[in-house]
Amino acid sequence: MDARRKKLLFRANHRGFKEMDLIMGHFAEANLEFMTDVQLDQFEALMDAPDQDVYAWIVGTGDIPETYQGDVLEQLRAFDVSTILQNPG
């Protein structure tokens, strides 16, 4: 994994809002290595947004600004973290 992906993986696991650590961290572990540069840019933009906003976008309770709309947010919204939590190994 290259340096950019490693940094994003660390940030995804250490957001400070436990639910977001779980969602973003597991999503990053499962997907970062396959992301294109454009998708990495989108993920990085989501990492820079406030936790509560991103969480609301993921669970569908908040309006998503056009700036953050894209493949990565759609993948996050479809990501089933419960499967990973039930089968951690």
Protein backbone atom coordinates (compact mmCIF):
# COMPACT_ATOMS: atom_id res chain seq x y z
CA MET A 1 0.00 0.00 0.00
CA ASP A 2 1.39 3.39 -0.94
CA ALA A 3 1.90 6.26 1.49
CA ARG A 4 -1.29 8.12 0.53
CA ARG A 5 -3.46 5.05 1.11
CA LYS A 6 -1.72 4.29 4.43
CA LYS A 7 -2.36 7.83 5.62
CA LEU A 8 -6.02 7.64 4.59
CA LEU A 9 -6.40 4.27 6.30
CA PHE A 10 -4.99 5.69 9.54
CA ARG A 11 -7.27 8.74 9.34
CA ALA A 12 -10.30 6.55 8.60
CA ASN A 13 -9.68 4.52 11.75
CA HIS A 14 -9.04 7.55 13.98
CA ARG A 15 -11.80 10.04 13.29
CA GLY A 16 -12.83 10.45 16.93
CA PHE A 17 -16.50 9.52 16.49
CA LYS A 18 -16.71 5.77 17.24
CA GLU A 19 -19.40 4.97 14.68
CA MET A 20 -17.41 6.76 11.98
CA ASP A 21 -14.20 4.99 13.02
CA LEU A 22 -15.99 1.68 12.47
CA ILE A 23 -17.68 2.60 9.20
CA MET A 24 -14.86 4.55 7.57
CA GLY A 25 -12.11 2.32 8.93
CA HIS A 26 -13.64 -0.93 7.75
CA PHE A 27 -14.64 0.62 4.43
CA ALA A 28 -11.08 1.88 3.91
CA GLU A 29 -9.58 -1.51 4.79
CA ALA A 30 -11.86 -3.21 2.26
CA ASN A 31 -11.61 -0.67 -0.57
CA LEU A 32 -8.59 1.66 -0.50
CA GLU A 33 -6.29 -0.63 -2.43
CA PHE A 34 -8.76 -0.75 -5.34
CA MET A 35 -9.56 2.98 -5.55
CA THR A 36 -8.58 5.12 -8.50
CA ASP A 37 -6.92 8.51 -7.97
CA VAL A 38 -10.30 10.22 -8.48
CA GLN A 39 -11.90 7.96 -5.87
CA LEU A 40 -9.02 8.61 -3.47
CA ASP A 41 -9.66 12.34 -3.93
CA GLN A 42 -13.34 11.79 -3.11
CA PHE A 43 -12.51 9.71 -0.04
CA GLU A 44 -10.01 12.30 1.13
CA ALA A 45 -12.65 15.04 0.77
CA LEU A 46 -15.02 12.96 2.92
CA MET A 47 -12.26 12.55 5.49
CA ASP A 48 -11.99 16.34 5.69
CA ALA A 49 -15.74 16.81 6.26
CA PRO A 50 -17.21 16.86 9.78
CA ASP A 51 -18.07 13.43 11.21
CA GLN A 52 -21.71 14.23 11.94
CA ASP A 53 -22.27 15.45 8.38
CA VAL A 54 -20.69 12.39 6.75
CA TYR A 55 -22.55 10.08 9.10
CA ALA A 56 -25.86 11.75 8.18
CA TRP A 57 -25.06 11.37 4.47
CA ILE A 58 -24.17 7.69 4.90
CA VAL A 59 -27.32 6.80 6.85
CA GLY A 60 -29.51 8.97 4.62
CA THR A 61 -30.64 11.59 7.13
CA GLY A 62 -28.80 14.55 5.64
CA ASP A 63 -28.74 16.31 2.31
CA ILE A 64 -25.49 15.63 0.47
CA PRO A 65 -23.79 18.74 -0.91
CA GLU A 66 -22.85 18.39 -4.57
CA THR A 67 -19.17 18.70 -3.61
CA TYR A 68 -19.30 15.34 -1.81
CA GLN A 69 -21.51 13.40 -4.21
CA GLY A 70 -19.74 10.65 -6.12
CA ASP A 71 -18.81 6.99 -6.40
CA VAL A 72 -17.14 6.75 -3.02
CA LEU A 73 -20.03 8.14 -1.01
CA GLU A 74 -22.41 5.83 -2.86
CA GLN A 75 -20.14 2.90 -2.05
CA LEU A 76 -20.03 3.98 1.59
CA ARG A 77 -23.82 4.19 1.70
CA ALA A 78 -24.05 0.65 0.34
CA PHE A 79 -21.26 -0.72 2.53
CA ASP A 80 -22.49 -3.29 5.06
CA VAL A 81 -20.19 -2.89 8.05
CA SER A 82 -22.27 -5.37 10.07
CA THR A 83 -20.88 -8.26 8.02
CA ILE A 84 -17.34 -7.30 8.97
CA LEU A 85 -18.24 -6.78 12.62
CA GLN A 86 -19.83 -10.24 12.76
CA ASN A 87 -16.84 -11.89 11.05
CA PRO A 88 -13.78 -9.89 12.23
CA GLY A 89 -11.21 -12.40 11.03
